[in-house]
Amino acid sequence: MSKKLKTESTLYYFYSTGCGFCKKVDPIVEKLNKAGKDILLLDLNEPDNKGLKKELEKEYNTSCGTPFLVDAS
């Protein structure tokens, strides 16, 4: 019997506390995670997450506020 190894999520959801659009998207992301999806939630109030968001924006040649969803796979 082989054991399935858990891989790191490649789906990122950047959000901001207090963002009206994020408040509409949050329940959908939560529902997807409960259904077995592995979406990594990243609050842009955390400095490290701001840096990661900038790197992804540069890599994918885009600029966006929040909510910002990225499939990095």
C-alpha atoms as a PDB file:
ATOM      1  CA  MET A   1       0.000   0.000   0.000  1.00  0.00           C
ATOM      2  CA  SER A   2       1.568   3.281  -1.058  1.00  0.00           C
ATOM      3  CA  LYS A   3       1.192   6.374   1.029  1.00  0.00           C
ATOM      4  CA  LYS A   4       0.212   9.570  -0.753  1.00  0.00           C
ATOM      5  CA  LEU A   5       2.684  12.333   0.044  1.00  0.00           C
ATOM      6  CA  LYS A   6       1.270  15.757   0.752  1.00  0.00           C
ATOM      7  CA  THR A   7       2.734  18.366  -1.561  1.00  0.00           C
ATOM      8  CA  GLU A   8       2.864  22.074  -0.892  1.00  0.00           C
ATOM      9  CA  SER A   9      -0.078  24.061  -2.207  1.00  0.00           C
ATOM     10  CA  THR A  10       0.490  25.930  -5.440  1.00  0.00           C
ATOM     11  CA  LEU A  11      -2.767  27.873  -5.189  1.00  0.00           C
ATOM     12  CA  TYR A  12      -2.378  31.167  -3.345  1.00  0.00           C
ATOM     13  CA  TYR A  13      -5.142  33.482  -2.160  1.00  0.00           C
ATOM     14  CA  PHE A  14      -3.975  36.945  -1.136  1.00  0.00           C
ATOM     15  CA  TYR A  15      -6.491  38.930   0.872  1.00  0.00           C
ATOM     16  CA  SER A  16      -6.698  42.025   3.047  1.00  0.00           C
ATOM     17  CA  THR A  17      -8.666  42.347   6.248  1.00  0.00           C
ATOM     18  CA  GLY A  18     -11.405  44.905   5.713  1.00  0.00           C
ATOM     19  CA  CYS A  19     -11.445  44.540   1.913  1.00  0.00           C
ATOM     20  CA  GLY A  20     -15.049  44.431   0.685  1.00  0.00           C
ATOM     21  CA  PHE A  21     -14.237  42.224  -2.300  1.00  0.00           C
ATOM     22  CA  CYS A  22     -12.260  39.830  -0.088  1.00  0.00           C
ATOM     23  CA  LYS A  23     -15.236  39.485   2.251  1.00  0.00           C
ATOM     24  CA  LYS A  24     -17.239  38.232  -0.740  1.00  0.00           C
ATOM     25  CA  VAL A  25     -14.533  35.797  -1.871  1.00  0.00           C
ATOM     26  CA  ASP A  26     -13.544  34.471   1.602  1.00  0.00           C
ATOM     27  CA  PRO A  27     -16.581  32.147   2.005  1.00  0.00           C
ATOM     28  CA  ILE A  28     -15.963  30.649  -1.442  1.00  0.00           C
ATOM     29  CA  VAL A  29     -12.290  29.946  -0.679  1.00  0.00           C
ATOM     30  CA  GLU A  30     -13.266  28.485   2.712  1.00  0.00           C
ATOM     31  CA  LYS A  31     -15.856  26.227   1.042  1.00  0.00           C
ATOM     32  CA  LEU A  32     -13.281  25.032  -1.525  1.00  0.00           C
ATOM     33  CA  ASN A  33     -10.769  24.225   1.238  1.00  0.00           C
ATOM     34  CA  LYS A  34     -13.435  22.270   3.156  1.00  0.00           C
ATOM     35  CA  ALA A  35     -14.164  20.359  -0.059  1.00  0.00           C
ATOM     36  CA  GLY A  36     -10.535  19.196  -0.189  1.00  0.00           C
ATOM     37  CA  LYS A  37      -8.797  21.892  -2.203  1.00  0.00           C
ATOM     38  CA  ASP A  38      -5.528  23.166  -0.791  1.00  0.00           C
ATOM     39  CA  ILE A  39      -5.627  26.942  -1.131  1.00  0.00           C
ATOM     40  CA  LEU A  40      -3.025  28.793   0.894  1.00  0.00           C
ATOM     41  CA  LEU A  41      -4.486  31.946   2.477  1.00  0.00           C
ATOM     42  CA  LEU A  42      -2.047  34.831   2.727  1.00  0.00           C
ATOM     43  CA  ASP A  43      -2.993  38.002   4.591  1.00  0.00           C
ATOM     44  CA  LEU A  44      -1.271  41.037   3.078  1.00  0.00           C
ATOM     45  CA  ASN A  45      -1.006  42.596   6.527  1.00  0.00           C
ATOM     46  CA  GLU A  46       1.940  40.202   6.999  1.00  0.00           C
ATOM     47  CA  PRO A  47       5.152  41.736   5.543  1.00  0.00           C
ATOM     48  CA  ASP A  48       6.443  38.390   4.197  1.00  0.00           C
ATOM     49  CA  ASN A  49       3.250  37.907   2.190  1.00  0.00           C
ATOM     50  CA  LYS A  50       3.632  41.335   0.571  1.00  0.00           C
ATOM     51  CA  GLY A  51       7.062  40.285  -0.696  1.00  0.00           C
ATOM     52  CA  LEU A  52       5.745  37.004  -2.083  1.00  0.00           C
ATOM     53  CA  LYS A  53       2.877  38.826  -3.809  1.00  0.00           C
ATOM     54  CA  LYS A  54       5.356  41.226  -5.462  1.00  0.00           C
ATOM     55  CA  GLU A  55       7.461  38.276  -6.674  1.00  0.00           C
ATOM     56  CA  LEU A  56       4.409  36.558  -8.169  1.00  0.00           C
ATOM     57  CA  GLU A  57       3.207  39.774  -9.806  1.00  0.00           C
ATOM     58  CA  LYS A  58       6.618  40.179 -11.413  1.00  0.00           C
ATOM     59  CA  GLU A  59       6.798  36.534 -12.516  1.00  0.00           C
ATOM     60  CA  TYR A  60       3.311  36.586 -14.054  1.00  0.00           C
ATOM     61  CA  ASN A  61       3.594  40.166 -15.357  1.00  0.00           C
ATOM     62  CA  THR A  62       0.472  41.385 -13.591  1.00  0.00           C
ATOM     63  CA  SER A  63      -0.526  43.840 -10.939  1.00  0.00           C
ATOM     64  CA  CYS A  64      -3.561  43.445  -8.773  1.00  0.00           C
ATOM     65  CA  GLY A  65      -4.931  44.495  -5.418  1.00  0.00           C
ATOM     66  CA  THR A  66      -6.915  42.100  -3.338  1.00  0.00           C
ATOM     67  CA  PRO A  67      -8.370  39.597  -3.620  1.00  0.00           C
ATOM     68  CA  PHE A  68      -5.598  38.121  -5.740  1.00  0.00           C
ATOM     69  CA  LEU A  69      -5.582  34.416  -6.663  1.00  0.00           C
ATOM     70  CA  VAL A  70      -2.592  32.693  -8.226  1.00  0.00           C
ATOM     71  CA  ASP A  71      -2.157  29.113  -9.452  1.00  0.00           C
ATOM     72  CA  ALA A  72       1.624  28.804  -9.465  1.00  0.00           C
ATOM     73  CA  SER A  73       1.719  25.237 -10.800  1.00  0.00           C
END
